[in-house]
């Protein structure tokens, strides 16, 4: 699972500028300066969230799960409506 986590963090780091807004929405106590300093680095992000919110509330695994969800591409669901006519 370590390779998968590394891939997730590499992707997050690459998309950091797009994700900053979502991170700020989720963890509003983080300042713009915090986000600039974090720059997509896992240890910095986890440490800053734990510092602002308390370690017991946000364990590293929970932070990683939230970030994975934020970073997933938005998928659209297509539904088809079927109409039946009886005679």
PDB file of N, CA and C in Angstrom:
ATOM      1  N   UNK A   1       0.823  -1.201   0.000  1.00  0.00           N
ATOM      2  CA  UNK A   1       0.000   0.000   0.000  1.00  0.00           C
ATOM      3  C   UNK A   1       0.861   1.256   0.000  1.00  0.00           C
ATOM      4  N   UNK A   2       2.125   1.132   0.362  1.00  0.00           N
ATOM      5  CA  UNK A   2       3.010   2.282   0.379  1.00  0.00           C
ATOM      6  C   UNK A   2       3.181   2.909  -0.990  1.00  0.00           C
ATOM      7  N   UNK A   3       3.288   2.065  -2.031  1.00  0.00           N
ATOM      8  CA  UNK A   3       3.425   2.597  -3.395  1.00  0.00           C
ATOM      9  C   UNK A   3       2.194   3.376  -3.796  1.00  0.00           C
ATOM     10  N   UNK A   4       1.025   2.872  -3.417  1.00  0.00           N
ATOM     11  CA  UNK A   4      -0.231   3.553  -3.744  1.00  0.00           C
ATOM     12  C   UNK A   4      -0.300   4.910  -3.056  1.00  0.00           C
ATOM     13  N   UNK A   5       0.088   4.949  -1.792  1.00  0.00           N
ATOM     14  CA  UNK A   5       0.098   6.217  -1.049  1.00  0.00           C
ATOM     15  C   UNK A   5       1.065   7.211  -1.679  1.00  0.00           C
ATOM     16  N   UNK A   6       2.236   6.714  -2.091  1.00  0.00           N
ATOM     17  CA  UNK A   6       3.210   7.592  -2.743  1.00  0.00           C
ATOM     18  C   UNK A   6       2.630   8.168  -4.028  1.00  0.00           C
ATOM     19  N   UNK A   7       1.923   7.339  -4.784  1.00  0.00           N
ATOM     20  CA  UNK A   7       1.312   7.807  -6.038  1.00  0.00           C
ATOM     21  C   UNK A   7       0.237   8.847  -5.760  1.00  0.00           C
ATOM     22  N   UNK A   8      -0.554   8.617  -4.711  1.00  0.00           N
ATOM     23  CA  UNK A   8      -1.600   9.577  -4.343  1.00  0.00           C
ATOM     24  C   UNK A   8      -0.974  10.917  -3.993  1.00  0.00           C
ATOM     25  N   UNK A   9       0.072  10.906  -3.181  1.00  0.00           N
ATOM     26  CA  UNK A   9       0.705  12.156  -2.778  1.00  0.00           C
ATOM     27  C   UNK A   9       1.415  12.844  -3.931  1.00  0.00           C
ATOM     28  N   UNK A  10       1.973  12.072  -4.858  1.00  0.00           N
ATOM     29  CA  UNK A  10       2.590  12.681  -6.042  1.00  0.00           C
ATOM     30  C   UNK A  10       1.540  13.404  -6.871  1.00  0.00           C
ATOM     31  N   UNK A  11       0.384  12.773  -7.020  1.00  0.00           N
ATOM     32  CA  UNK A  11      -0.711  13.393  -7.765  1.00  0.00           C
ATOM     33  C   UNK A  11      -1.204  14.636  -7.047  1.00  0.00           C
ATOM     34  N   UNK A  12      -1.363  14.549  -5.741  1.00  0.00           N
ATOM     35  CA  UNK A  12      -1.813  15.703  -4.964  1.00  0.00           C
ATOM     36  C   UNK A  12      -0.832  16.856  -5.084  1.00  0.00           C
ATOM     37  N   UNK A  13       0.429  16.541  -5.015  1.00  0.00           N
ATOM     38  CA  UNK A  13       1.438  17.596  -5.109  1.00  0.00           C
ATOM     39  C   UNK A  13       1.380  18.250  -6.484  1.00  0.00           C
ATOM     40  N   UNK A  14       1.172  17.446  -7.526  1.00  0.00           N
ATOM     41  CA  UNK A  14       1.076  17.986  -8.869  1.00  0.00           C
ATOM     42  C   UNK A  14      -0.165  18.844  -9.085  1.00  0.00           C
ATOM     43  N   UNK A  15      -1.231  18.534  -8.363  1.00  0.00           N
ATOM     44  CA  UNK A  15      -2.499  19.267  -8.492  1.00  0.00           C
ATOM     45  C   UNK A  15      -2.701  20.264  -7.362  1.00  0.00           C
ATOM     46  N   UNK A  16      -1.673  20.572  -6.628  1.00  0.00           N
ATOM     47  CA  UNK A  16      -1.812  21.366  -5.406  1.00  0.00           C
ATOM     48  C   UNK A  16      -2.531  22.689  -5.636  1.00  0.00           C
ATOM     49  N   UNK A  17      -2.182  23.410  -6.703  1.00  0.00           N
ATOM     50  CA  UNK A  17      -2.820  24.708  -6.925  1.00  0.00           C
ATOM     51  C   UNK A  17      -4.332  24.577  -7.105  1.00  0.00           C
ATOM     52  N   UNK A  18      -4.776  23.509  -7.758  1.00  0.00           N
ATOM     53  CA  UNK A  18      -6.211  23.297  -7.925  1.00  0.00           C
ATOM     54  C   UNK A  18      -6.867  22.838  -6.623  1.00  0.00           C
ATOM     55  N   UNK A  19      -6.125  22.112  -5.805  1.00  0.00           N
ATOM     56  CA  UNK A  19      -6.701  21.551  -4.576  1.00  0.00           C
ATOM     57  C   UNK A  19      -6.702  22.512  -3.397  1.00  0.00           C
ATOM     58  N   UNK A  20      -5.901  23.562  -3.464  1.00  0.00           N
ATOM     59  CA  UNK A  20      -5.809  24.480  -2.317  1.00  0.00           C
ATOM     60  C   UNK A  20      -7.167  25.004  -1.891  1.00  0.00           C
ATOM     61  N   UNK A  21      -8.008  25.341  -2.834  1.00  0.00           N
ATOM     62  CA  UNK A  21      -9.333  25.860  -2.504  1.00  0.00           C
ATOM     63  C   UNK A  21     -10.170  24.846  -1.751  1.00  0.00           C
ATOM     64  N   UNK A  22     -10.128  23.594  -2.205  1.00  0.00           N
ATOM     65  CA  UNK A  22     -10.889  22.531  -1.533  1.00  0.00           C
ATOM     66  C   UNK A  22     -10.341  22.273  -0.132  1.00  0.00           C
ATOM     67  N   UNK A  23      -9.005  22.301  -0.020  1.00  0.00           N
ATOM     68  CA  UNK A  23      -8.376  22.098   1.295  1.00  0.00           C
ATOM     69  C   UNK A  23      -8.798  23.221   2.227  1.00  0.00           C
ATOM     70  N   UNK A  24      -8.818  24.425   1.725  1.00  0.00           N
ATOM     71  CA  UNK A  24      -9.203  25.586   2.541  1.00  0.00           C
ATOM     72  C   UNK A  24     -10.667  25.493   2.975  1.00  0.00           C
ATOM     73  N   UNK A  25     -11.535  24.995   2.074  1.00  0.00           N
ATOM     74  CA  UNK A  25     -12.944  24.801   2.439  1.00  0.00           C
ATOM     75  C   UNK A  25     -13.085  23.773   3.546  1.00  0.00           C
ATOM     76  N   UNK A  26     -12.355  22.683   3.437  1.00  0.00           N
ATOM     77  CA  UNK A  26     -12.454  21.591   4.410  1.00  0.00           C
ATOM     78  C   UNK A  26     -11.835  21.978   5.748  1.00  0.00           C
ATOM     79  N   UNK A  27     -10.672  22.590   5.691  1.00  0.00           N
ATOM     80  CA  UNK A  27      -9.933  22.957   6.900  1.00  0.00           C
ATOM     81  C   UNK A  27      -9.738  24.469   6.908  1.00  0.00           C
ATOM     82  N   UNK A  28     -10.800  25.190   7.209  1.00  0.00           N
ATOM     83  CA  UNK A  28     -10.827  26.650   7.132  1.00  0.00           C
ATOM     84  C   UNK A  28      -9.886  27.379   8.076  1.00  0.00           C
ATOM     85  N   UNK A  29      -9.366  26.694   9.068  1.00  0.00           N
ATOM     86  CA  UNK A  29      -8.421  27.349   9.972  1.00  0.00           C
ATOM     87  C   UNK A  29      -7.033  27.495   9.359  1.00  0.00           C
ATOM     88  N   UNK A  30      -6.799  26.823   8.228  1.00  0.00           N
ATOM     89  CA  UNK A  30      -5.520  26.979   7.540  1.00  0.00           C
ATOM     90  C   UNK A  30      -5.520  28.315   6.812  1.00  0.00           C
ATOM     91  N   UNK A  31      -4.440  29.047   6.946  1.00  0.00           N
ATOM     92  CA  UNK A  31      -4.341  30.357   6.299  1.00  0.00           C
ATOM     93  C   UNK A  31      -3.742  30.194   4.899  1.00  0.00           C
ATOM     94  N   UNK A  32      -3.826  31.253   4.108  1.00  0.00           N
ATOM     95  CA  UNK A  32      -3.188  31.234   2.790  1.00  0.00           C
ATOM     96  C   UNK A  32      -1.683  31.032   2.932  1.00  0.00           C
ATOM     97  N   UNK A  33      -1.091  31.635   3.950  1.00  0.00           N
ATOM     98  CA  UNK A  33       0.343  31.436   4.195  1.00  0.00           C
ATOM     99  C   UNK A  33       0.642  29.967   4.505  1.00  0.00           C
ATOM    100  N   UNK A  34      -0.239  29.329   5.301  1.00  0.00           N
ATOM    101  CA  UNK A  34      -0.076  27.901   5.586  1.00  0.00           C
ATOM    102  C   UNK A  34      -0.074  27.103   4.289  1.00  0.00           C
ATOM    103  N   UNK A  35      -1.049  27.386   3.426  1.00  0.00           N
ATOM    104  CA  UNK A  35      -1.186  26.630   2.183  1.00  0.00           C
ATOM    105  C   UNK A  35       0.010  26.844   1.261  1.00  0.00           C
ATOM    106  N   UNK A  36       0.535  28.051   1.228  1.00  0.00           N
ATOM    107  CA  UNK A  36       1.726  28.313   0.421  1.00  0.00           C
ATOM    108  C   UNK A  36       2.928  27.549   0.976  1.00  0.00           C
ATOM    109  N   UNK A  37       3.065  27.513   2.290  1.00  0.00           N
ATOM    110  CA  UNK A  37       4.173  26.793   2.928  1.00  0.00           C
ATOM    111  C   UNK A  37       4.037  25.280   2.721  1.00  0.00           C
ATOM    112  N   UNK A  38       2.820  24.773   2.796  1.00  0.00           N
ATOM    113  CA  UNK A  38       2.570  23.338   2.648  1.00  0.00           C
ATOM    114  C   UNK A  38       2.954  22.868   1.249  1.00  0.00           C
ATOM    115  N   UNK A  39       2.521  23.613   0.236  1.00  0.00           N
ATOM    116  CA  UNK A  39       2.884  23.357  -1.168  1.00  0.00           C
ATOM    117  C   UNK A  39       2.733  21.894  -1.581  1.00  0.00           C
ATOM    118  N   UNK A  40       1.724  21.209  -1.046  1.00  0.00           N
ATOM    119  CA  UNK A  40       1.462  19.835  -1.439  1.00  0.00           C
ATOM    120  C   UNK A  40       2.294  18.785  -0.722  1.00  0.00           C
ATOM    121  N   UNK A  41       3.104  19.181   0.255  1.00  0.00           N
ATOM    122  CA  UNK A  41       3.932  18.227   0.993  1.00  0.00           C
ATOM    123  C   UNK A  41       3.106  17.569   2.093  1.00  0.00           C
ATOM    124  N   UNK A  42       3.089  16.246   2.075  1.00  0.00           N
ATOM    125  CA  UNK A  42       2.284  15.458   3.001  1.00  0.00           C
ATOM    126  C   UNK A  42       2.567  15.788   4.461  1.00  0.00           C
ATOM    127  N   UNK A  43       3.829  15.749   4.850  1.00  0.00           N
ATOM    128  CA  UNK A  43       4.172  15.955   6.251  1.00  0.00           C
ATOM    129  C   UNK A  43       3.792  17.347   6.733  1.00  0.00           C
ATOM    130  N   UNK A  44       3.969  18.340   5.877  1.00  0.00           N
ATOM    131  CA  UNK A  44       3.600  19.705   6.254  1.00  0.00           C
ATOM    132  C   UNK A  44       2.096  19.852   6.410  1.00  0.00           C
ATOM    133  N   UNK A  45       1.352  19.279   5.475  1.00  0.00           N
ATOM    134  CA  UNK A  45      -0.107  19.385   5.520  1.00  0.00           C
ATOM    135  C   UNK A  45      -0.674  18.690   6.749  1.00  0.00           C
ATOM    136  N   UNK A  46      -0.266  17.452   6.957  1.00  0.00           N
ATOM    137  CA  UNK A  46      -0.754  16.695   8.111  1.00  0.00           C
ATOM    138  C   UNK A  46      -0.393  17.420   9.404  1.00  0.00           C
ATOM    139  N   UNK A  47       0.830  17.871   9.515  1.00  0.00           N
ATOM    140  CA  UNK A  47       1.275  18.569  10.727  1.00  0.00           C
ATOM    141  C   UNK A  47       0.489  19.844  10.981  1.00  0.00           C
ATOM    142  N   UNK A  48       0.243  20.615   9.932  1.00  0.00           N
ATOM    143  CA  UNK A  48      -0.468  21.889  10.101  1.00  0.00           C
ATOM    144  C   UNK A  48      -1.930  21.651  10.474  1.00  0.00           C
ATOM    145  N   UNK A  49      -2.577  20.660   9.863  1.00  0.00           N
ATOM    146  CA  UNK A  49      -3.968  20.349  10.211  1.00  0.00           C
ATOM    147  C   UNK A  49      -4.039  19.885  11.661  1.00  0.00           C
ATOM    148  N   UNK A  50      -3.124  19.020  12.058  1.00  0.00           N
ATOM    149  CA  UNK A  50      -3.118  18.538  13.438  1.00  0.00           C
ATOM    150  C   UNK A  50      -2.823  19.667  14.414  1.00  0.00           C
ATOM    151  N   UNK A  51      -1.971  20.599  14.024  1.00  0.00           N
ATOM    152  CA  UNK A  51      -1.654  21.745  14.884  1.00  0.00           C
ATOM    153  C   UNK A  51      -2.886  22.628  15.074  1.00  0.00           C
ATOM    154  N   UNK A  52      -3.604  22.893  13.990  1.00  0.00           N
ATOM    155  CA  UNK A  52      -4.755  23.799  14.054  1.00  0.00           C
ATOM    156  C   UNK A  52      -5.987  23.156  14.695  1.00  0.00           C
ATOM    157  N   UNK A  53      -6.188  21.860  14.441  1.00  0.00           N
ATOM    158  CA  UNK A  53      -7.428  21.207  14.861  1.00  0.00           C
ATOM    159  C   UNK A  53      -7.258  20.219  16.005  1.00  0.00           C
ATOM    160  N   UNK A  54      -6.051  19.864  16.302  1.00  0.00           N
ATOM    161  CA  UNK A  54      -5.810  18.875  17.352  1.00  0.00           C
ATOM    162  C   UNK A  54      -5.558  17.514  16.744  1.00  0.00           C
ATOM    163  N   UNK A  55      -4.537  16.865  17.238  1.00  0.00           N
ATOM    164  CA  UNK A  55      -4.109  15.589  16.667  1.00  0.00           C
ATOM    165  C   UNK A  55      -5.182  14.517  16.777  1.00  0.00           C
ATOM    166  N   UNK A  56      -5.929  14.495  17.864  1.00  0.00           N
ATOM    167  CA  UNK A  56      -6.904  13.428  18.039  1.00  0.00           C
ATOM    168  C   UNK A  56      -8.063  13.551  17.052  1.00  0.00           C
ATOM    169  N   UNK A  57      -8.396  14.770  16.665  1.00  0.00           N
ATOM    170  CA  UNK A  57      -9.508  14.942  15.730  1.00  0.00           C
ATOM    171  C   UNK A  57      -9.119  14.518  14.318  1.00  0.00           C
ATOM    172  N   UNK A  58      -7.916  14.849  13.910  1.00  0.00           N
ATOM    173  CA  UNK A  58      -7.490  14.553  12.539  1.00  0.00           C
ATOM    174  C   UNK A  58      -6.226  13.710  12.544  1.00  0.00           C
ATOM    175  N   UNK A  59      -6.406  12.407  12.509  1.00  0.00           N
ATOM    176  CA  UNK A  59      -5.276  11.502  12.371  1.00  0.00           C
ATOM    177  C   UNK A  59      -4.842  11.482  10.907  1.00  0.00           C
ATOM    178  N   UNK A  60      -3.620  11.103  10.673  1.00  0.00           N
ATOM    179  CA  UNK A  60      -3.054  11.117   9.328  1.00  0.00           C
ATOM    180  C   UNK A  60      -3.909  10.327   8.328  1.00  0.00           C
ATOM    181  N   UNK A  61      -4.395   9.166   8.727  1.00  0.00           N
ATOM    182  CA  UNK A  61      -5.197   8.335   7.813  1.00  0.00           C
ATOM    183  C   UNK A  61      -6.477   9.052   7.393  1.00  0.00           C
ATOM    184  N   UNK A  62      -7.100   9.773   8.319  1.00  0.00           N
ATOM    185  CA  UNK A  62      -8.324  10.511   7.987  1.00  0.00           C
ATOM    186  C   UNK A  62      -8.033  11.643   7.014  1.00  0.00           C
ATOM    187  N   UNK A  63      -6.924  12.326   7.213  1.00  0.00           N
ATOM    188  CA  UNK A  63      -6.535  13.419   6.325  1.00  0.00           C
ATOM    189  C   UNK A  63      -6.277  12.862   4.928  1.00  0.00           C
ATOM    190  N   UNK A  64      -5.566  11.741   4.853  1.00  0.00           N
ATOM    191  CA  UNK A  64      -5.275  11.130   3.557  1.00  0.00           C
ATOM    192  C   UNK A  64      -6.550  10.725   2.835  1.00  0.00           C
ATOM    193  N   UNK A  65      -7.496  10.155   3.553  1.00  0.00           N
ATOM    194  CA  UNK A  65      -8.766   9.742   2.947  1.00  0.00           C
ATOM    195  C   UNK A  65      -9.518  10.953   2.385  1.00  0.00           C
ATOM    196  N   UNK A  66      -9.577  12.016   3.154  1.00  0.00           N
ATOM    197  CA  UNK A  66     -10.256  13.234   2.694  1.00  0.00           C
ATOM    198  C   UNK A  66      -9.591  13.786   1.437  1.00  0.00           C
ATOM    199  N   UNK A  67      -8.269  13.792   1.413  1.00  0.00           N
ATOM    200  CA  UNK A  67      -7.547  14.324   0.260  1.00  0.00           C
ATOM    201  C   UNK A  67      -7.731  13.461  -0.976  1.00  0.00           C
ATOM    202  N   UNK A  68      -7.756  12.140  -0.788  1.00  0.00           N
ATOM    203  CA  UNK A  68      -8.011  11.251  -1.925  1.00  0.00           C
ATOM    204  C   UNK A  68      -9.369  11.561  -2.537  1.00  0.00           C
ATOM    205  N   UNK A  69     -10.371  11.743  -1.677  1.00  0.00           N
ATOM    206  CA  UNK A  69     -11.717  12.050  -2.172  1.00  0.00           C
ATOM    207  C   UNK A  69     -11.743  13.385  -2.900  1.00  0.00           C
ATOM    208  N   UNK A  70     -11.036  14.374  -2.389  1.00  0.00           N
ATOM    209  CA  UNK A  70     -10.986  15.684  -3.035  1.00  0.00           C
ATOM    210  C   UNK A  70     -10.333  15.607  -4.406  1.00  0.00           C
ATOM    211  N   UNK A  71      -9.350  14.735  -4.534  1.00  0.00           N
ATOM    212  CA  UNK A  71      -8.547  14.672  -5.747  1.00  0.00           C
ATOM    213  C   UNK A  71      -9.144  13.785  -6.826  1.00  0.00           C
ATOM    214  N   UNK A  72     -10.218  13.048  -6.504  1.00  0.00           N
ATOM    215  CA  UNK A  72     -10.821  12.193  -7.515  1.00  0.00           C
ATOM    216  C   UNK A  72     -11.534  13.038  -8.550  1.00  0.00           C
ATOM    217  N   UNK A  73     -11.397  12.652  -9.810  1.00  0.00           N
ATOM    218  CA  UNK A  73     -12.083  13.414 -10.854  1.00  0.00           C
ATOM    219  C   UNK A  73     -13.587  13.326 -10.665  1.00  0.00           C
ATOM    220  N   UNK A  74     -14.239  14.394 -11.014  1.00  0.00           N
ATOM    221  CA  UNK A  74     -15.699  14.422 -10.912  1.00  0.00           C
ATOM    222  C   UNK A  74     -16.252  13.571 -12.035  1.00  0.00           C
ATOM    223  N   UNK A  75     -17.071  12.615 -11.666  1.00  0.00           N
ATOM    224  CA  UNK A  75     -17.676  11.766 -12.684  1.00  0.00           C
ATOM    225  C   UNK A  75     -19.140  12.133 -12.801  1.00  0.00           C
ATOM    226  N   UNK A  76     -19.615  12.096 -14.002  1.00  0.00           N
ATOM    227  CA  UNK A  76     -21.023  12.399 -14.212  1.00  0.00           C
ATOM    228  C   UNK A  76     -21.757  11.098 -14.455  1.00  0.00           C
ATOM    229  N   UNK A  77     -22.909  10.994 -13.880  1.00  0.00           N
ATOM    230  CA  UNK A  77     -23.722   9.801 -14.056  1.00  0.00           C
ATOM    231  C   UNK A  77     -24.761  10.085 -15.129  1.00  0.00           C
ATOM    232  N   UNK A  78     -24.862   9.168 -16.049  1.00  0.00           N
ATOM    233  CA  UNK A  78     -25.860   9.303 -17.099  1.00  0.00           C
ATOM    234  C   UNK A  78     -27.000   8.358 -16.785  1.00  0.00           C
ATOM    235  N   UNK A  79     -28.183   8.894 -16.795  1.00  0.00           N
ATOM    236  CA  UNK A  79     -29.350   8.053 -16.559  1.00  0.00           C
ATOM    237  C   UNK A  79     -30.228   8.079 -17.796  1.00  0.00           C
ATOM    238  N   UNK A  80     -30.841   6.986 -18.043  1.00  0.00           N
ATOM    239  CA  UNK A  80     -31.732   6.885 -19.183  1.00  0.00           C
ATOM    240  C   UNK A  80     -33.138   6.672 -18.666  1.00  0.00           C
ATOM    241  N   UNK A  81     -34.051   7.451 -19.191  1.00  0.00           N
ATOM    242  CA  UNK A  81     -35.445   7.334 -18.779  1.00  0.00           C
ATOM    243  C   UNK A  81     -36.152   6.469 -19.823  1.00  0.00           C
ATOM    244  N   UNK A  82     -36.808   5.441 -19.363  1.00  0.00           N
ATOM    245  CA  UNK A  82     -37.546   4.554 -20.261  1.00  0.00           C
ATOM    246  C   UNK A  82     -39.027   4.721 -20.023  1.00  0.00           C
ATOM    247  N   UNK A  83     -39.742   4.867 -21.095  1.00  0.00           N
ATOM    248  CA  UNK A  83     -41.197   5.020 -20.990  1.00  0.00           C
ATOM    249  C   UNK A  83     -41.847   3.821 -21.670  1.00  0.00           C
ATOM    250  N   UNK A  84     -42.823   3.260 -21.018  1.00  0.00           N
ATOM    251  CA  UNK A  84     -43.559   2.127 -21.600  1.00  0.00           C
ATOM    252  C   UNK A  84     -45.002   2.553 -21.851  1.00  0.00           C
ATOM    253  N   UNK A  85     -45.487   2.161 -22.979  1.00  0.00           N
ATOM    254  CA  UNK A  85     -46.878   2.464 -23.287  1.00  0.00           C
ATOM    255  C   UNK A  85     -47.652   1.164 -23.404  1.00  0.00           C
ATOM    256  N   UNK A  86     -48.803   1.147 -22.809  1.00  0.00           N
ATOM    257  CA  UNK A  86     -49.642  -0.050 -22.920  1.00  0.00           C
ATOM    258  C   UNK A  86     -50.858   0.268 -23.773  1.00  0.00           C
ATOM    259  N   UNK A  87     -51.302  -0.716 -24.531  1.00  0.00           N
ATOM    260  CA  UNK A  87     -52.477  -0.500 -25.389  1.00  0.00           C
ATOM    261  C   UNK A  87     -53.601  -1.390 -24.999  1.00  0.00           C
TER     262      UNK A  87
END
